[in-house]
Amino acid sequence: MILYPTIEIQNGRCVSLARGRIEEPSIWHVDPVVKAQEFAHAGAEWMHVTDFDAMHGSNENHDLILNIIRGAGIPVQLGGGFRSRDRIEQWIDHGAGRVVVSTLAAQNPHLVKELADHHPDQIVLAVDVWKGHVMTHGWKSQSAYTPEAFLDAFEGTPFAAIIVTDIDYDLQESDAALGVISALAARTKIPVIASGIVRTVDDISRLRLLGEVSGAIVGRALFNKTVDLKEALREARPDTSHVAEFI
C-alpha cells in the first residue's frame, strides 16, 4: 500500500481542517517546501497537495505549489479547484505528477473521460461520499450520484487512481467508513486511495489488511504527530525496506 503524506494549503500556509470546516483551520507553522522535502527524506514515494484557496477560484498559492513540485524530490498529486481543461493541463505542464478532479467529473464527465484518455496515469477521480451521495464543490453541494453510480459512469476510463473519502467518518468518526471504501474498491479495477481514515498507525494496518485498498492519504495525523511517517511507511509496506534515504 502506498502512503501519500499530505500538505493542505490555505493563504500560503500549511493547514488542516477540523471536521471539514474551511473557516476554522488548524495552522501549522512550517515551511511547506521544507515539509515536502522531509516527506521525501522519510522515504515517501508520492505526496499529495490540496489547494483550498483554488477551490474558491483563487490563484494566490500558484508560486508556492510550483516550488513544492519543483523542490519535493518526489511526484506530487495535486487537488483543489480543477474545474477546467486549461487549469488541469497547465499544472500537468508545470510538473504535477497527477491532478485530482471531483466537481468537474460530476458536471462534465465527457471532458474528464477525454482528459484521462489524453493524460494516462495523470488524472485522479475523487469520490467524496456523504449520506450515500457524491458531494461536490468542496463538500458543499450534494450531487444526484450515488458513489456506485458515479464509479459505473466512468467504467473503462483510464484514471491513475480513485480517491474515496467517507465524509460521515470525518464528521462523525463512523466505523462504517472502512466498509464504504472497501466496497467501492471492490467495484473497480482502478487503484483506490482512502482519504480521511488514518489517525494512527493502526488505521494503516486495518486498511492494508482489507486488501482492496491500494493507498492512503495521511495529513493531519502527521502534523499533530499521532503518526510518524517513517513508521507509517514501514507499516504500509512491511515487505519493503527503504535501503537508502532520498538525497
C-alpha atoms as a PDB file:
ATOM      1  CA  MET A   1       0.000   0.000   0.000  1.00  0.00           C
ATOM      2  CA  ILE A   2       1.296   3.455  -0.920  1.00  0.00           C
ATOM      3  CA  LEU A   3       1.041   6.308   1.579  1.00  0.00           C
ATOM      4  CA  TYR A   4       0.510   9.852   0.351  1.00  0.00           C
ATOM      5  CA  PRO A   5       1.729  12.287   3.028  1.00  0.00           C
ATOM      6  CA  THR A   6      -0.319  15.413   2.516  1.00  0.00           C
ATOM      7  CA  ILE A   7       0.078  19.164   2.669  1.00  0.00           C
ATOM      8  CA  GLU A   8      -3.066  21.280   2.629  1.00  0.00           C
ATOM      9  CA  ILE A   9      -2.550  24.927   1.687  1.00  0.00           C
ATOM     10  CA  GLN A  10      -4.634  27.950   2.626  1.00  0.00           C
ATOM     11  CA  ASN A  11      -3.391  31.546   2.336  1.00  0.00           C
ATOM     12  CA  GLY A  12       0.135  30.255   1.727  1.00  0.00           C
ATOM     13  CA  ARG A  13       0.203  28.254   4.961  1.00  0.00           C
ATOM     14  CA  CYS A  14       0.025  24.576   5.890  1.00  0.00           C
ATOM     15  CA  VAL A  15      -3.348  23.911   7.484  1.00  0.00           C
ATOM     16  CA  SER A  16      -5.683  21.113   8.500  1.00  0.00           C
ATOM     17  CA  LEU A  17      -9.438  21.347   8.657  1.00  0.00           C
ATOM     18  CA  ALA A  18     -11.261  20.199  11.772  1.00  0.00           C
ATOM     19  CA  ARG A  19     -14.382  18.282  10.694  1.00  0.00           C
ATOM     20  CA  GLY A  20     -14.215  19.803   7.220  1.00  0.00           C
ATOM     21  CA  ARG A  21     -14.702  23.416   8.367  1.00  0.00           C
ATOM     22  CA  ILE A  22     -12.648  25.531   5.987  1.00  0.00           C
ATOM     23  CA  GLU A  23     -13.379  28.655   8.038  1.00  0.00           C
ATOM     24  CA  GLU A  24     -11.699  27.158  11.140  1.00  0.00           C
ATOM     25  CA  PRO A  25      -8.352  25.756  10.011  1.00  0.00           C
ATOM     26  CA  SER A  26      -5.600  24.490  12.271  1.00  0.00           C
ATOM     27  CA  ILE A  27      -2.489  26.363  11.157  1.00  0.00           C
ATOM     28  CA  TRP A  28       0.883  24.608  11.169  1.00  0.00           C
ATOM     29  CA  HIS A  29       3.860  26.958  11.344  1.00  0.00           C
ATOM     30  CA  VAL A  30       6.134  25.100   8.959  1.00  0.00           C
ATOM     31  CA  ASP A  31       7.615  25.838   5.557  1.00  0.00           C
ATOM     32  CA  PRO A  32       5.551  23.834   3.024  1.00  0.00           C
ATOM     33  CA  VAL A  33       8.521  23.272   0.698  1.00  0.00           C
ATOM     34  CA  VAL A  34      10.739  22.061   3.546  1.00  0.00           C
ATOM     35  CA  LYS A  35       7.938  19.804   4.796  1.00  0.00           C
ATOM     36  CA  ALA A  36       7.623  18.270   1.323  1.00  0.00           C
ATOM     37  CA  GLN A  37      11.350  17.564   1.317  1.00  0.00           C
ATOM     38  CA  GLU A  38      11.013  15.940   4.747  1.00  0.00           C
ATOM     39  CA  PHE A  39       8.412  13.576   3.307  1.00  0.00           C
ATOM     40  CA  ALA A  40      10.877  12.555   0.608  1.00  0.00           C
ATOM     41  CA  HIS A  41      13.698  12.059   3.123  1.00  0.00           C
ATOM     42  CA  ALA A  42      11.430   9.816   5.189  1.00  0.00           C
ATOM     43  CA  GLY A  43      11.031   7.533   2.166  1.00  0.00           C
ATOM     44  CA  ALA A  44       7.643   8.542   0.713  1.00  0.00           C
ATOM     45  CA  GLU A  45       7.128   7.573  -2.921  1.00  0.00           C
ATOM     46  CA  TRP A  46       4.420  10.173  -3.553  1.00  0.00           C
ATOM     47  CA  MET A  47       2.895  13.136  -1.784  1.00  0.00           C
ATOM     48  CA  HIS A  48      -0.465  14.869  -2.040  1.00  0.00           C
ATOM     49  CA  VAL A  49      -1.154  18.627  -2.038  1.00  0.00           C
ATOM     50  CA  THR A  50      -4.576  20.269  -1.732  1.00  0.00           C
ATOM     51  CA  ASP A  51      -5.034  23.960  -2.533  1.00  0.00           C
ATOM     52  CA  PHE A  52      -8.081  25.098  -0.551  1.00  0.00           C
ATOM     53  CA  ASP A  53      -7.959  28.623  -1.978  1.00  0.00           C
ATOM     54  CA  ALA A  54      -8.132  27.294  -5.540  1.00  0.00           C
ATOM     55  CA  MET A  55     -11.481  25.699  -4.676  1.00  0.00           C
ATOM     56  CA  HIS A  56     -12.807  29.262  -4.481  1.00  0.00           C
ATOM     57  CA  GLY A  57     -11.105  30.417  -7.671  1.00  0.00           C
ATOM     58  CA  SER A  58      -8.008  31.991  -6.107  1.00  0.00           C
ATOM     59  CA  ASN A  59      -4.592  31.613  -7.718  1.00  0.00           C
ATOM     60  CA  GLU A  60      -2.632  33.051  -4.778  1.00  0.00           C
ATOM     61  CA  ASN A  61      -0.825  29.787  -3.964  1.00  0.00           C
ATOM     62  CA  HIS A  62       0.421  29.243  -7.515  1.00  0.00           C
ATOM     63  CA  ASP A  63       4.089  30.038  -6.923  1.00  0.00           C
ATOM     64  CA  LEU A  64       4.216  28.177  -3.606  1.00  0.00           C
ATOM     65  CA  ILE A  65       2.775  24.998  -5.093  1.00  0.00           C
ATOM     66  CA  LEU A  66       5.101  25.299  -8.062  1.00  0.00           C
ATOM     67  CA  ASN A  67       8.017  25.449  -5.605  1.00  0.00           C
ATOM     68  CA  ILE A  68       6.706  22.373  -3.796  1.00  0.00           C
ATOM     69  CA  ILE A  69       6.502  20.430  -7.060  1.00  0.00           C
ATOM     70  CA  ARG A  70       9.984  21.507  -8.105  1.00  0.00           C
ATOM     71  CA  GLY A  71      11.568  21.051  -4.688  1.00  0.00           C
ATOM     72  CA  ALA A  72       9.924  17.968  -3.241  1.00  0.00           C
ATOM     73  CA  GLY A  73      12.040  15.376  -5.000  1.00  0.00           C
ATOM     74  CA  ILE A  74       9.027  13.022  -5.286  1.00  0.00           C
ATOM     75  CA  PRO A  75       5.957  13.198  -7.524  1.00  0.00           C
ATOM     76  CA  VAL A  76       3.078  15.402  -6.365  1.00  0.00           C
ATOM     77  CA  GLN A  77      -0.606  14.541  -6.651  1.00  0.00           C
ATOM     78  CA  LEU A  78      -2.404  17.906  -6.738  1.00  0.00           C
ATOM     79  CA  GLY A  79      -6.026  18.662  -5.895  1.00  0.00           C
ATOM     80  CA  GLY A  80      -8.192  21.716  -5.387  1.00  0.00           C
ATOM     81  CA  GLY A  81     -10.416  23.601  -7.811  1.00  0.00           C
ATOM     82  CA  PHE A  82      -9.659  21.741 -11.037  1.00  0.00           C
ATOM     83  CA  ARG A  83     -12.775  22.659 -12.982  1.00  0.00           C
ATOM     84  CA  SER A  84     -11.429  23.393 -16.472  1.00  0.00           C
ATOM     85  CA  ARG A  85      -9.288  21.724 -19.109  1.00  0.00           C
ATOM     86  CA  ASP A  86      -6.910  24.696 -19.201  1.00  0.00           C
ATOM     87  CA  ARG A  87      -6.087  24.575 -15.484  1.00  0.00           C
ATOM     88  CA  ILE A  88      -5.608  20.812 -15.472  1.00  0.00           C
ATOM     89  CA  GLU A  89      -3.276  20.870 -18.446  1.00  0.00           C
ATOM     90  CA  GLN A  90      -1.436  23.910 -17.087  1.00  0.00           C
ATOM     91  CA  TRP A  91      -0.496  22.034 -13.918  1.00  0.00           C
ATOM     92  CA  ILE A  92       0.438  18.894 -15.799  1.00  0.00           C
ATOM     93  CA  ASP A  93       2.756  21.099 -17.855  1.00  0.00           C
ATOM     94  CA  HIS A  94       4.084  22.595 -14.588  1.00  0.00           C
ATOM     95  CA  GLY A  95       5.140  19.129 -13.479  1.00  0.00           C
ATOM     96  CA  ALA A  96       2.305  17.851 -11.300  1.00  0.00           C
ATOM     97  CA  GLY A  97       2.527  14.071 -11.328  1.00  0.00           C
ATOM     98  CA  ARG A  98      -1.237  13.752 -11.064  1.00  0.00           C
ATOM     99  CA  VAL A  99      -4.225  16.090 -10.973  1.00  0.00           C
ATOM    100  CA  VAL A 100      -7.335  15.308  -8.913  1.00  0.00           C
ATOM    101  CA  VAL A 101     -10.811  16.077 -10.285  1.00  0.00           C
ATOM    102  CA  SER A 102     -14.107  15.927  -8.416  1.00  0.00           C
ATOM    103  CA  THR A 103     -16.700  18.619  -9.177  1.00  0.00           C
ATOM    104  CA  LEU A 104     -15.713  18.696 -12.859  1.00  0.00           C
ATOM    105  CA  ALA A 105     -16.342  14.953 -13.108  1.00  0.00           C
ATOM    106  CA  ALA A 106     -19.920  15.409 -11.879  1.00  0.00           C
ATOM    107  CA  GLN A 107     -20.555  18.425 -14.097  1.00  0.00           C
ATOM    108  CA  ASN A 108     -18.790  17.359 -17.295  1.00  0.00           C
ATOM    109  CA  PRO A 109     -17.993  13.629 -17.281  1.00  0.00           C
ATOM    110  CA  HIS A 110     -17.306  13.602 -21.022  1.00  0.00           C
ATOM    111  CA  LEU A 111     -14.497  16.149 -20.625  1.00  0.00           C
ATOM    112  CA  VAL A 112     -12.980  14.228 -17.723  1.00  0.00           C
ATOM    113  CA  LYS A 113     -13.011  10.984 -19.724  1.00  0.00           C
ATOM    114  CA  GLU A 114     -11.321  12.807 -22.591  1.00  0.00           C
ATOM    115  CA  LEU A 115      -8.654  14.254 -20.298  1.00  0.00           C
ATOM    116  CA  ALA A 116      -7.975  10.832 -18.771  1.00  0.00           C
ATOM    117  CA  ASP A 117      -7.560   9.365 -22.266  1.00  0.00           C
ATOM    118  CA  HIS A 118      -5.144  12.153 -23.256  1.00  0.00           C
ATOM    119  CA  HIS A 119      -3.185  12.050 -19.997  1.00  0.00           C
ATOM    120  CA  PRO A 120      -2.972   8.392 -18.967  1.00  0.00           C
ATOM    121  CA  ASP A 121      -1.856   7.821 -15.363  1.00  0.00           C
ATOM    122  CA  GLN A 122      -2.201  11.529 -14.538  1.00  0.00           C
ATOM    123  CA  ILE A 123      -5.898  12.118 -13.820  1.00  0.00           C
ATOM    124  CA  VAL A 124      -7.310  11.019 -10.456  1.00  0.00           C
ATOM    125  CA  LEU A 125     -11.032  10.877  -9.666  1.00  0.00           C
ATOM    126  CA  ALA A 126     -12.112  11.995  -6.178  1.00  0.00           C
ATOM    127  CA  VAL A 127     -15.292  10.453  -4.777  1.00  0.00           C
ATOM    128  CA  ASP A 128     -16.442  12.316  -1.651  1.00  0.00           C
ATOM    129  CA  VAL A 129     -19.348  10.444  -0.080  1.00  0.00           C
ATOM    130  CA  TRP A 130     -21.909  11.771   2.404  1.00  0.00           C
ATOM    131  CA  LYS A 131     -25.219  10.103   3.267  1.00  0.00           C
ATOM    132  CA  GLY A 132     -24.998   7.866   0.228  1.00  0.00           C
ATOM    133  CA  HIS A 133     -24.332  10.608  -2.332  1.00  0.00           C
ATOM    134  CA  VAL A 134     -21.291  12.146  -4.004  1.00  0.00           C
ATOM    135  CA  MET A 135     -20.568  15.665  -2.784  1.00  0.00           C
ATOM    136  CA  THR A 136     -19.070  18.432  -4.937  1.00  0.00           C
ATOM    137  CA  HIS A 137     -17.750  21.990  -4.550  1.00  0.00           C
ATOM    138  CA  GLY A 138     -15.602  21.174  -1.533  1.00  0.00           C
ATOM    139  CA  TRP A 139     -18.273  19.047   0.215  1.00  0.00           C
ATOM    140  CA  LYS A 140     -20.823  21.879  -0.004  1.00  0.00           C
ATOM    141  CA  SER A 141     -23.169  20.540  -2.715  1.00  0.00           C
ATOM    142  CA  GLN A 142     -24.840  17.156  -2.967  1.00  0.00           C
ATOM    143  CA  SER A 143     -24.904  15.650  -6.461  1.00  0.00           C
ATOM    144  CA  ALA A 144     -27.545  13.270  -7.798  1.00  0.00           C
ATOM    145  CA  TYR A 145     -24.946  10.488  -7.995  1.00  0.00           C
ATOM    146  CA  THR A 146     -24.628   7.616  -5.578  1.00  0.00           C
ATOM    147  CA  PRO A 147     -20.929   6.629  -5.283  1.00  0.00           C
ATOM    148  CA  GLU A 148     -21.681   3.331  -7.031  1.00  0.00           C
ATOM    149  CA  ALA A 149     -23.386   5.059  -9.961  1.00  0.00           C
ATOM    150  CA  PHE A 150     -20.561   7.605 -10.123  1.00  0.00           C
ATOM    151  CA  LEU A 151     -17.948   4.865 -10.481  1.00  0.00           C
ATOM    152  CA  ASP A 152     -20.093   2.992 -13.003  1.00  0.00           C
ATOM    153  CA  ALA A 153     -20.418   6.157 -15.122  1.00  0.00           C
ATOM    154  CA  PHE A 154     -16.638   6.159 -15.554  1.00  0.00           C
ATOM    155  CA  GLU A 155     -16.185   2.442 -16.166  1.00  0.00           C
ATOM    156  CA  GLY A 156     -13.257   1.907 -18.528  1.00  0.00           C
ATOM    157  CA  THR A 157     -11.839   5.405 -18.005  1.00  0.00           C
ATOM    158  CA  PRO A 158      -8.033   5.147 -17.519  1.00  0.00           C
ATOM    159  CA  PHE A 159      -7.748   7.061 -14.251  1.00  0.00           C
ATOM    160  CA  ALA A 160      -4.446   6.827 -12.398  1.00  0.00           C
ATOM    161  CA  ALA A 161      -6.386   6.274  -9.173  1.00  0.00           C
ATOM    162  CA  ILE A 162      -9.651   6.962  -7.366  1.00  0.00           C
ATOM    163  CA  ILE A 163      -9.619   8.777  -4.004  1.00  0.00           C
ATOM    164  CA  VAL A 164     -12.536   7.826  -1.758  1.00  0.00           C
ATOM    165  CA  THR A 165     -13.480   9.948   1.255  1.00  0.00           C
ATOM    166  CA  ASP A 166     -16.345   8.930   3.522  1.00  0.00           C
ATOM    167  CA  ILE A 167     -17.320  12.348   4.875  1.00  0.00           C
ATOM    168  CA  ASP A 168     -19.519  10.704   7.514  1.00  0.00           C
ATOM    169  CA  TYR A 169     -16.334   9.261   9.021  1.00  0.00           C
ATOM    170  CA  ASP A 170     -14.551  12.600   9.028  1.00  0.00           C
ATOM    171  CA  LEU A 171     -17.508  14.286  10.689  1.00  0.00           C
ATOM    172  CA  GLN A 172     -18.787  11.535  12.963  1.00  0.00           C
ATOM    173  CA  GLU A 173     -15.937   9.025  13.226  1.00  0.00           C
ATOM    174  CA  SER A 174     -18.105   6.203  11.933  1.00  0.00           C
ATOM    175  CA  ASP A 175     -16.505   2.759  11.705  1.00  0.00           C
ATOM    176  CA  ALA A 176     -18.656   2.160   8.632  1.00  0.00           C
ATOM    177  CA  ALA A 177     -16.154   4.152   6.549  1.00  0.00           C
ATOM    178  CA  LEU A 178     -13.903   1.145   6.039  1.00  0.00           C
ATOM    179  CA  GLY A 179     -16.854  -0.765   4.652  1.00  0.00           C
ATOM    180  CA  VAL A 180     -17.770   2.058   2.271  1.00  0.00           C
ATOM    181  CA  ILE A 181     -14.232   2.358   0.939  1.00  0.00           C
ATOM    182  CA  SER A 182     -13.724  -1.399   0.701  1.00  0.00           C
ATOM    183  CA  ALA A 183     -16.982  -1.891  -1.203  1.00  0.00           C
ATOM    184  CA  LEU A 184     -16.140   0.817  -3.728  1.00  0.00           C
ATOM    185  CA  ALA A 185     -12.613  -0.539  -4.149  1.00  0.00           C
ATOM    186  CA  ALA A 186     -14.044  -3.973  -4.917  1.00  0.00           C
ATOM    187  CA  ARG A 187     -16.268  -2.385  -7.578  1.00  0.00           C
ATOM    188  CA  THR A 188     -13.451  -1.035  -9.773  1.00  0.00           C
ATOM    189  CA  LYS A 189     -10.173  -2.187 -11.255  1.00  0.00           C
ATOM    190  CA  ILE A 190      -8.658   1.281 -10.754  1.00  0.00           C
ATOM    191  CA  PRO A 191      -6.400   1.615  -7.653  1.00  0.00           C
ATOM    192  CA  VAL A 192      -8.369   3.134  -4.769  1.00  0.00           C
ATOM    193  CA  ILE A 193      -6.797   5.542  -2.271  1.00  0.00           C
ATOM    194  CA  ALA A 194      -8.518   6.005   1.095  1.00  0.00           C
ATOM    195  CA  SER A 195      -8.738   9.546   2.461  1.00  0.00           C
ATOM    196  CA  GLY A 196      -9.714  10.773   5.905  1.00  0.00           C
ATOM    197  CA  ILE A 197      -9.215   7.417   7.607  1.00  0.00           C
ATOM    198  CA  VAL A 198      -5.683   7.466   9.010  1.00  0.00           C
ATOM    199  CA  ARG A 199      -5.306   8.882  12.521  1.00  0.00           C
ATOM    200  CA  THR A 200      -2.928   6.251  13.925  1.00  0.00           C
ATOM    201  CA  VAL A 201      -0.577   3.632  12.531  1.00  0.00           C
ATOM    202  CA  ASP A 202      -3.177   1.021  13.487  1.00  0.00           C
ATOM    203  CA  ASP A 203      -5.515   2.573  10.915  1.00  0.00           C
ATOM    204  CA  ILE A 204      -2.885   1.913   8.258  1.00  0.00           C
ATOM    205  CA  SER A 205      -2.747  -1.725   9.350  1.00  0.00           C
ATOM    206  CA  ARG A 206      -6.524  -2.018   9.074  1.00  0.00           C
ATOM    207  CA  LEU A 207      -6.542  -0.524   5.577  1.00  0.00           C
ATOM    208  CA  ARG A 208      -3.706  -2.759   4.403  1.00  0.00           C
ATOM    209  CA  LEU A 209      -5.433  -5.864   5.702  1.00  0.00           C
ATOM    210  CA  LEU A 210      -8.569  -5.020   3.724  1.00  0.00           C
ATOM    211  CA  GLY A 211      -6.629  -5.980   0.625  1.00  0.00           C
ATOM    212  CA  GLU A 212      -8.664  -3.938  -1.865  1.00  0.00           C
ATOM    213  CA  VAL A 213      -7.234  -0.512  -0.961  1.00  0.00           C
ATOM    214  CA  SER A 214      -4.023   0.458  -2.748  1.00  0.00           C
ATOM    215  CA  GLY A 215      -3.131   3.631  -0.855  1.00  0.00           C
ATOM    216  CA  ALA A 216      -3.983   6.129   1.869  1.00  0.00           C
ATOM    217  CA  ILE A 217      -3.757   9.886   2.212  1.00  0.00           C
ATOM    218  CA  VAL A 218      -2.273  10.991   5.545  1.00  0.00           C
ATOM    219  CA  GLY A 219      -2.269  14.651   6.516  1.00  0.00           C
ATOM    220  CA  ARG A 220      -3.456  15.981   9.855  1.00  0.00           C
ATOM    221  CA  ALA A 221      -2.113  12.942  11.746  1.00  0.00           C
ATOM    222  CA  LEU A 222       1.430  13.745  10.573  1.00  0.00           C
ATOM    223  CA  PHE A 223       1.225  17.358  11.704  1.00  0.00           C
ATOM    224  CA  ASN A 224      -0.284  16.647  15.103  1.00  0.00           C
ATOM    225  CA  LYS A 225       2.210  13.778  15.490  1.00  0.00           C
ATOM    226  CA  THR A 226      -0.215  10.930  16.109  1.00  0.00           C
ATOM    227  CA  VAL A 227       1.508   9.242  13.154  1.00  0.00           C
ATOM    228  CA  ASP A 228       5.253   9.095  12.473  1.00  0.00           C
ATOM    229  CA  LEU A 229       5.820   8.957   8.721  1.00  0.00           C
ATOM    230  CA  LYS A 230       8.729   6.512   8.766  1.00  0.00           C
ATOM    231  CA  GLU A 231       6.816   4.118  10.999  1.00  0.00           C
ATOM    232  CA  ALA A 232       3.718   4.524   8.845  1.00  0.00           C
ATOM    233  CA  LEU A 233       5.652   3.748   5.674  1.00  0.00           C
ATOM    234  CA  ARG A 234       7.026   0.571   7.241  1.00  0.00           C
ATOM    235  CA  GLU A 235       3.518  -0.482   8.238  1.00  0.00           C
ATOM    236  CA  ALA A 236       2.129   0.245   4.775  1.00  0.00           C
ATOM    237  CA  ARG A 237       4.865  -1.716   3.010  1.00  0.00           C
ATOM    238  CA  PRO A 238       6.136  -4.288   5.547  1.00  0.00           C
ATOM    239  CA  ASP A 239       7.896  -6.313   2.873  1.00  0.00           C
ATOM    240  CA  THR A 240       9.827  -3.308   1.562  1.00  0.00           C
ATOM    241  CA  SER A 241      12.858  -1.889   3.329  1.00  0.00           C
ATOM    242  CA  HIS A 242      13.936   1.648   2.488  1.00  0.00           C
ATOM    243  CA  VAL A 243      17.578   0.878   1.938  1.00  0.00           C
ATOM    244  CA  ALA A 244      18.569   4.437   1.161  1.00  0.00           C
ATOM    245  CA  GLU A 245      17.038   7.723   2.092  1.00  0.00           C
ATOM    246  CA  PHE A 246      16.356  10.367  -0.521  1.00  0.00           C
ATOM    247  CA  ILE A 247      19.374  12.546  -1.226  1.00  0.00           C
END
